[in-house]
Every structure is written in C-alpha cells, then in structure tokens.
N, C-alpha and C. Protein backbone atom coordinates (compact mmCIF):
# COMPACT_ATOMS: atom_id res chain seq x y z
N MET A 1 1.66 -9.16 -3.62
CA MET A 1 2.94 -9.40 -2.99
C MET A 1 4.00 -8.53 -3.64
N THR A 2 4.94 -8.17 -2.88
CA THR A 2 6.03 -7.36 -3.43
C THR A 2 7.03 -8.25 -4.15
N ALA A 3 7.91 -7.61 -4.89
CA ALA A 3 8.95 -8.36 -5.61
C ALA A 3 9.84 -9.11 -4.63
N LEU A 4 10.10 -8.52 -3.49
CA LEU A 4 10.98 -9.16 -2.50
C LEU A 4 10.38 -10.45 -1.96
N THR A 5 9.16 -10.40 -1.49
CA THR A 5 8.55 -11.59 -0.90
C THR A 5 8.26 -12.65 -1.94
N GLN A 6 7.88 -12.22 -3.14
CA GLN A 6 7.61 -13.18 -4.21
C GLN A 6 8.90 -13.91 -4.60
N HIS A 7 9.98 -13.18 -4.74
CA HIS A 7 11.25 -13.78 -5.12
C HIS A 7 11.76 -14.69 -4.00
N LEU A 8 11.65 -14.25 -2.77
CA LEU A 8 12.11 -15.07 -1.64
C LEU A 8 11.30 -16.36 -1.54
N ALA A 9 10.01 -16.29 -1.73
CA ALA A 9 9.18 -17.49 -1.68
C ALA A 9 9.57 -18.46 -2.79
N GLY A 10 9.85 -17.95 -3.97
CA GLY A 10 10.27 -18.80 -5.07
C GLY A 10 11.63 -19.43 -4.81
N GLN A 11 12.54 -18.67 -4.24
CA GLN A 11 13.87 -19.19 -3.93
C GLN A 11 13.80 -20.27 -2.84
N ARG A 12 12.97 -20.04 -1.85
CA ARG A 12 12.82 -21.04 -0.78
C ARG A 12 12.23 -22.33 -1.32
N THR A 13 11.28 -22.22 -2.24
CA THR A 13 10.67 -23.41 -2.83
C THR A 13 11.69 -24.17 -3.68
N GLU A 14 12.52 -23.44 -4.43
CA GLU A 14 13.55 -24.09 -5.24
C GLU A 14 14.56 -24.85 -4.39
N HIS A 15 14.80 -24.38 -3.18
CA HIS A 15 15.77 -25.03 -2.30
C HIS A 15 15.12 -26.04 -1.36
N GLY A 16 13.87 -26.41 -1.64
CA GLY A 16 13.20 -27.45 -0.87
C GLY A 16 12.66 -27.01 0.47
N MET A 17 12.56 -25.70 0.67
CA MET A 17 12.00 -25.17 1.92
C MET A 17 10.58 -24.71 1.65
N PRO A 18 9.67 -24.96 2.56
CA PRO A 18 8.30 -24.47 2.33
C PRO A 18 8.29 -22.95 2.35
N SER A 19 7.54 -22.38 1.42
CA SER A 19 7.49 -20.92 1.35
C SER A 19 6.62 -20.34 2.45
N GLY A 20 5.81 -21.16 3.08
CA GLY A 20 5.01 -20.70 4.21
C GLY A 20 3.70 -20.10 3.78
N SER A 21 2.86 -19.87 4.75
CA SER A 21 1.57 -19.24 4.49
C SER A 21 1.68 -17.75 4.76
N VAL A 22 0.60 -17.05 4.54
CA VAL A 22 0.58 -15.61 4.78
C VAL A 22 0.83 -15.36 6.26
N GLY A 23 1.75 -14.48 6.55
CA GLY A 23 2.10 -14.18 7.93
C GLY A 23 3.31 -14.94 8.42
N SER A 24 3.68 -16.03 7.73
CA SER A 24 4.86 -16.76 8.16
C SER A 24 6.08 -16.39 7.33
N ASP A 25 5.98 -15.29 6.58
CA ASP A 25 7.11 -14.82 5.79
C ASP A 25 8.08 -14.01 6.64
N GLN A 26 7.87 -13.97 7.93
CA GLN A 26 8.75 -13.25 8.83
C GLN A 26 10.07 -13.98 8.96
N ILE A 27 11.15 -13.25 9.05
CA ILE A 27 12.46 -13.87 9.20
C ILE A 27 12.55 -14.59 10.55
N SER A 28 11.75 -14.17 11.51
CA SER A 28 11.77 -14.83 12.82
C SER A 28 11.14 -16.21 12.78
N SER A 29 10.38 -16.52 11.73
CA SER A 29 9.75 -17.84 11.64
C SER A 29 10.69 -18.88 11.04
N VAL A 30 11.88 -18.46 10.59
CA VAL A 30 12.85 -19.39 10.02
C VAL A 30 13.63 -20.04 11.16
N PRO A 31 13.72 -21.36 11.17
CA PRO A 31 14.49 -22.02 12.23
C PRO A 31 15.97 -21.63 12.16
N PRO A 32 16.65 -21.54 13.29
CA PRO A 32 18.06 -21.11 13.30
C PRO A 32 18.97 -21.99 12.44
N GLN A 33 18.70 -23.27 12.34
CA GLN A 33 19.55 -24.15 11.54
C GLN A 33 19.40 -23.89 10.04
N ALA A 34 18.32 -23.22 9.63
CA ALA A 34 18.11 -22.91 8.21
C ALA A 34 18.66 -21.54 7.82
N MET A 35 19.12 -20.76 8.78
CA MET A 35 19.61 -19.41 8.49
C MET A 35 20.79 -19.39 7.51
N PRO A 36 21.73 -20.34 7.55
CA PRO A 36 22.81 -20.31 6.56
C PRO A 36 22.30 -20.46 5.12
N VAL A 37 21.15 -21.07 4.93
CA VAL A 37 20.57 -21.21 3.59
C VAL A 37 19.70 -20.00 3.27
N VAL A 38 18.92 -19.54 4.23
CA VAL A 38 17.96 -18.45 4.00
C VAL A 38 18.67 -17.10 3.87
N GLY A 39 19.77 -16.90 4.58
CA GLY A 39 20.48 -15.61 4.53
C GLY A 39 20.87 -15.21 3.12
N PRO A 40 21.60 -16.06 2.38
CA PRO A 40 21.94 -15.69 0.99
C PRO A 40 20.72 -15.55 0.08
N LEU A 41 19.69 -16.36 0.34
CA LEU A 41 18.47 -16.23 -0.47
C LEU A 41 17.81 -14.87 -0.23
N LEU A 42 17.82 -14.44 1.03
CA LEU A 42 17.23 -13.15 1.37
C LEU A 42 18.04 -12.02 0.75
N ALA A 43 19.37 -12.13 0.78
CA ALA A 43 20.22 -11.11 0.16
C ALA A 43 19.97 -11.05 -1.35
N ASP A 44 19.84 -12.20 -1.98
CA ASP A 44 19.55 -12.25 -3.41
C ASP A 44 18.19 -11.63 -3.71
N SER A 45 17.21 -11.87 -2.84
CA SER A 45 15.88 -11.31 -3.05
C SER A 45 15.89 -9.80 -2.90
N PHE A 46 16.68 -9.27 -1.96
CA PHE A 46 16.80 -7.81 -1.83
C PHE A 46 17.44 -7.22 -3.08
N GLY A 47 18.45 -7.91 -3.63
CA GLY A 47 19.06 -7.44 -4.87
C GLY A 47 18.07 -7.44 -6.02
N PHE A 48 17.26 -8.48 -6.10
CA PHE A 48 16.22 -8.56 -7.13
C PHE A 48 15.23 -7.41 -7.00
N ALA A 49 14.79 -7.14 -5.76
CA ALA A 49 13.83 -6.06 -5.53
C ALA A 49 14.45 -4.70 -5.90
N PHE A 50 15.74 -4.52 -5.62
CA PHE A 50 16.42 -3.29 -6.00
C PHE A 50 16.38 -3.10 -7.51
N TRP A 51 16.69 -4.14 -8.28
CA TRP A 51 16.71 -4.03 -9.72
C TRP A 51 15.31 -3.82 -10.30
N VAL A 52 14.30 -4.39 -9.67
CA VAL A 52 12.92 -4.13 -10.11
C VAL A 52 12.58 -2.66 -9.91
N ALA A 53 12.93 -2.11 -8.75
CA ALA A 53 12.67 -0.69 -8.48
C ALA A 53 13.46 0.20 -9.44
N PHE A 54 14.69 -0.17 -9.72
CA PHE A 54 15.52 0.59 -10.65
C PHE A 54 14.90 0.59 -12.05
N ALA A 55 14.46 -0.57 -12.51
CA ALA A 55 13.86 -0.68 -13.84
C ALA A 55 12.57 0.12 -13.94
N LEU A 56 11.74 0.06 -12.91
CA LEU A 56 10.49 0.83 -12.93
C LEU A 56 10.77 2.33 -12.94
N THR A 57 11.78 2.76 -12.19
CA THR A 57 12.14 4.17 -12.19
C THR A 57 12.65 4.60 -13.56
N ALA A 58 13.46 3.77 -14.19
CA ALA A 58 13.97 4.10 -15.52
C ALA A 58 12.83 4.19 -16.54
N VAL A 59 11.86 3.30 -16.42
CA VAL A 59 10.72 3.33 -17.34
C VAL A 59 9.88 4.58 -17.14
N ILE A 60 9.77 5.05 -15.92
CA ILE A 60 8.95 6.23 -15.62
C ILE A 60 9.66 7.51 -16.01
N ILE A 61 10.99 7.53 -15.94
CA ILE A 61 11.73 8.75 -16.25
C ILE A 61 11.63 9.10 -17.74
N VAL A 62 11.59 8.13 -18.61
CA VAL A 62 11.54 8.41 -20.05
C VAL A 62 10.31 9.24 -20.42
N PRO A 63 9.09 8.87 -20.03
CA PRO A 63 7.96 9.75 -20.38
C PRO A 63 8.02 11.09 -19.65
N ALA A 64 8.59 11.12 -18.45
CA ALA A 64 8.68 12.38 -17.72
C ALA A 64 9.59 13.36 -18.45
N ILE A 65 10.66 12.87 -19.05
CA ILE A 65 11.56 13.74 -19.80
C ILE A 65 10.87 14.27 -21.06
N LEU A 66 10.00 13.48 -21.63
CA LEU A 66 9.34 13.87 -22.87
C LEU A 66 8.09 14.73 -22.66
N LEU A 67 7.73 15.03 -21.43
CA LEU A 67 6.57 15.89 -21.18
C LEU A 67 6.84 17.29 -21.73
N PRO A 68 5.82 17.95 -22.26
CA PRO A 68 6.05 19.31 -22.78
C PRO A 68 6.36 20.28 -21.65
N ARG A 69 7.23 21.22 -21.95
CA ARG A 69 7.59 22.22 -20.95
C ARG A 69 6.56 23.33 -20.94
N HIS A 70 6.44 23.99 -19.84
CA HIS A 70 5.53 25.12 -19.70
C HIS A 70 6.12 26.32 -20.42
N ALA A 71 5.31 27.06 -21.17
CA ALA A 71 5.80 28.16 -22.00
C ALA A 71 6.39 29.29 -21.15
N ALA A 72 5.90 29.55 -19.95
CA ALA A 72 6.39 30.65 -19.12
C ALA A 72 7.82 30.39 -18.66
N ARG A 73 8.20 29.16 -18.52
CA ARG A 73 9.56 28.87 -18.09
C ARG A 73 10.57 29.09 -19.21
N ASP A 74 10.12 29.05 -20.45
CA ASP A 74 11.02 29.23 -21.58
C ASP A 74 11.30 30.70 -21.87
N ARG A 75 10.48 31.61 -21.35
CA ARG A 75 10.67 33.03 -21.59
C ARG A 75 11.64 33.63 -20.59
N ASP A 76 12.35 34.67 -21.02
CA ASP A 76 13.29 35.36 -20.12
C ASP A 76 12.56 36.32 -19.19
N VAL A 77 11.43 36.85 -19.63
CA VAL A 77 10.68 37.84 -18.85
C VAL A 77 9.62 37.10 -18.03
N THR A 78 9.60 37.40 -16.75
CA THR A 78 8.56 36.82 -15.90
C THR A 78 7.35 37.75 -15.90
N PRO A 79 6.15 37.21 -15.96
CA PRO A 79 4.97 38.07 -16.00
C PRO A 79 4.76 38.79 -14.66
N ALA A 80 4.28 40.02 -14.76
CA ALA A 80 3.99 40.80 -13.56
C ALA A 80 2.67 40.36 -12.97
N ALA A 81 2.51 40.53 -11.69
CA ALA A 81 1.26 40.17 -11.03
C ALA A 81 0.17 41.15 -11.48
N PRO A 82 -1.04 40.67 -11.72
CA PRO A 82 -2.11 41.56 -12.17
C PRO A 82 -2.50 42.56 -11.09
N GLY A 83 -2.79 43.79 -11.50
CA GLY A 83 -3.27 44.82 -10.59
C GLY A 83 -2.19 45.56 -9.85
N ILE A 84 -0.97 45.38 -10.21
CA ILE A 84 0.11 46.10 -9.49
C ILE A 84 0.64 47.20 -10.36
C-alpha cells in the first residue's frame, strides 16, 4: 500500500469509519453524508504522502552528492576521438 492509502485508512479508522476492503478505497465509495469528514482526512493524507516523498528524496540526494566524479569531467582538455 502507498503512504496515501495507508494513512487514509488509519485516519478513517480513528474517526470510527470502516477503512473498507481492497477496492473500496475509491472516493466514490464514500457516502455523500460522510464527505465533510472524509474530505479533510483525504487532504491530510495527501500532505502526509507529500512529506514521505520529500523525505525519501532528501535521503537519496545525500549519497548521490557523495558519489565520486568522473575524472574526464574534471579536466579542462577533452580527449580526441581515436583514429582522427
């Protein structure tokens, strides 16, 4: 499950709403009278998913910055093609 659906299911359970079975996580399966409760929960879940993606990106960028650079990029002279 993604962070969004996992967080939304947990939020719905905390508010006394059944989290549903697989396939019933569609927004269309929510009764119209429950939308005032589910709307803010869904917005909160999207925010949670955004921060999870942001954190994972930050964690991945650190090792990418520390990767060794290629030696040819550090030189001012570009190598000539062989045989020319």
